[in-house]
Amino acid sequence: MLYTLSNDPVWLVGVQILDGVGAGLFGALIPIFLADLTRGTGHYNLSQGAVATIQGGAAAISGWLAGLVVVGAEYSAAFLALAGIAGIALLTLLFGLPETRTNADEVAHFGAQSRATAD
């Protein structure tokens, strides 16, 4: 959505930097999230493959959808449409995704580590 606010090159570089930070955080947190969800199941690699497949498909659909909107309207409309979809995803994440690790899990995990270190 920030892309629609200005055409100034300095502004656009700043938005690109924020985009890179967001992508970096996303790339770092997904494996941690998957590790919490799949702990002890042996399905970590399968879940990473599934997430990568979904991301690839979403990237393809995103470009196709943005192209349709640009042809029908303009670039600002495409950016706003994609930002709206991302907003829906954020709301789904905030209200539909439970915590993946409880305090009891954390205490048990770190307690086992400290006991193993002491031995």
Protein backbone atom coordinates (compact mmCIF):
# COMPACT_ATOMS: atom_id res chain seq x y z
CA MET A 1 0.00 0.00 0.00
CA LEU A 2 2.93 2.32 0.64
CA TYR A 3 3.85 2.19 -3.05
CA THR A 4 0.71 4.17 -3.90
CA LEU A 5 1.63 7.17 -1.73
CA SER A 6 4.52 8.61 -3.75
CA ASN A 7 6.54 8.28 -6.95
CA ASP A 8 9.67 9.75 -5.33
CA PRO A 9 12.64 7.41 -5.87
CA VAL A 10 13.87 7.88 -2.28
CA TRP A 11 10.42 6.92 -0.98
CA LEU A 12 10.30 3.85 -3.23
CA VAL A 13 13.74 2.70 -2.08
CA GLY A 14 12.57 3.04 1.53
CA VAL A 15 9.49 0.95 0.77
CA GLN A 16 11.71 -1.66 -0.92
CA ILE A 17 13.89 -1.79 2.20
CA LEU A 18 10.81 -2.37 4.37
CA ASP A 19 9.71 -5.07 1.95
CA GLY A 20 13.11 -6.75 2.30
CA VAL A 21 12.95 -6.61 6.10
CA GLY A 22 9.48 -8.15 6.02
CA ALA A 23 10.62 -10.92 3.68
CA GLY A 24 13.64 -11.60 5.90
CA LEU A 25 11.49 -11.87 9.01
CA PHE A 26 9.05 -14.10 7.19
CA GLY A 27 11.87 -16.33 5.98
CA ALA A 28 13.35 -16.59 9.47
CA LEU A 29 10.11 -17.17 11.37
CA ILE A 30 8.46 -19.78 9.13
CA PRO A 31 11.02 -22.51 10.00
CA ILE A 32 10.65 -21.74 13.71
CA PHE A 33 6.86 -21.88 13.43
CA LEU A 34 7.03 -25.17 11.52
CA ALA A 35 9.47 -26.63 14.05
CA ASP A 36 6.99 -25.87 16.84
CA LEU A 37 4.10 -27.39 14.91
CA THR A 38 5.91 -30.55 13.84
CA ARG A 39 8.08 -31.21 16.91
CA GLY A 40 8.38 -34.93 17.42
CA THR A 41 6.34 -35.91 14.35
CA GLY A 42 9.09 -36.31 11.78
CA HIS A 43 7.18 -34.12 9.30
CA TYR A 44 9.30 -30.97 9.38
CA ASN A 45 10.66 -31.33 5.83
CA LEU A 46 7.23 -32.24 4.49
CA SER A 47 5.74 -29.12 6.06
CA GLN A 48 8.53 -26.94 4.65
CA GLY A 49 7.85 -28.36 1.20
CA ALA A 50 4.13 -27.71 1.55
CA VAL A 51 4.72 -24.11 2.64
CA ALA A 52 7.17 -23.52 -0.23
CA THR A 53 4.65 -24.93 -2.71
CA ILE A 54 1.91 -22.66 -1.38
CA GLN A 55 4.24 -19.64 -1.47
CA GLY A 56 5.22 -20.37 -5.07
CA GLY A 57 1.62 -20.76 -6.15
CA ALA A 58 0.60 -17.59 -4.34
CA ALA A 59 3.46 -15.66 -5.98
CA ALA A 60 2.30 -16.80 -9.42
CA ILE A 61 -1.34 -15.95 -8.73
CA SER A 62 -0.31 -12.59 -7.26
CA GLY A 63 1.51 -11.56 -10.42
CA TRP A 64 -1.36 -12.73 -12.62
CA LEU A 65 -3.97 -10.92 -10.51
CA ALA A 66 -1.93 -7.72 -10.38
CA GLY A 67 -1.58 -7.84 -14.17
CA LEU A 68 -5.33 -8.15 -14.59
CA VAL A 69 -5.96 -5.20 -12.28
CA VAL A 70 -3.30 -3.06 -14.01
CA VAL A 71 -4.88 -3.70 -17.42
CA GLY A 72 -8.34 -2.90 -16.07
CA ALA A 73 -7.38 0.05 -13.87
CA GLU A 74 -3.84 1.17 -12.97
CA TYR A 75 -0.80 0.28 -10.89
CA SER A 76 -2.11 1.95 -7.74
CA ALA A 77 -5.27 -0.14 -7.92
CA ALA A 78 -3.17 -3.31 -8.27
CA PHE A 79 -1.05 -2.41 -5.25
CA LEU A 80 -4.17 -1.65 -3.21
CA ALA A 81 -5.85 -4.91 -4.27
CA LEU A 82 -2.81 -6.94 -3.25
CA ALA A 83 -2.55 -4.97 0.02
CA GLY A 84 -6.21 -5.77 0.72
CA ILE A 85 -5.55 -9.48 0.22
CA ALA A 86 -2.55 -9.24 2.54
CA GLY A 87 -4.73 -7.45 5.11
CA ILE A 88 -7.23 -10.31 5.01
CA ALA A 89 -4.36 -12.76 5.51
CA LEU A 90 -3.13 -10.72 8.50
CA LEU A 91 -6.56 -10.73 10.12
CA THR A 92 -6.83 -14.48 9.53
CA LEU A 93 -3.43 -14.93 11.16
CA LEU A 94 -4.25 -12.74 14.16
CA PHE A 95 -7.66 -14.23 14.89
CA GLY A 96 -7.47 -17.74 13.46
CA LEU A 97 -4.02 -19.05 14.32
CA PRO A 98 -3.44 -20.33 17.85
CA GLU A 99 -0.13 -20.12 19.68
CA THR A 100 2.08 -23.02 18.62
CA ARG A 101 4.09 -23.38 21.79
CA THR A 102 2.74 -23.21 25.33
CA ASN A 103 4.66 -22.18 28.43
CA ALA A 104 4.54 -25.79 29.66
CA ASP A 105 6.29 -26.90 26.45
CA GLU A 106 8.89 -24.18 26.88
CA VAL A 107 9.59 -25.06 30.52
CA ALA A 108 9.87 -28.77 29.67
CA HIS A 109 12.16 -28.04 26.72
CA PHE A 110 14.50 -25.69 28.55
CA GLY A 111 14.40 -27.79 31.71
CA ALA A 112 15.55 -30.83 29.72
CA GLN A 113 18.35 -28.78 28.18
CA SER A 114 19.61 -27.52 31.52
CA ARG A 115 19.53 -31.04 33.01
CA ALA A 116 21.45 -32.39 30.00
CA THR A 117 24.03 -29.60 30.34
CA ALA A 118 24.44 -30.30 34.06
CA ASP A 119 25.07 -34.00 33.43
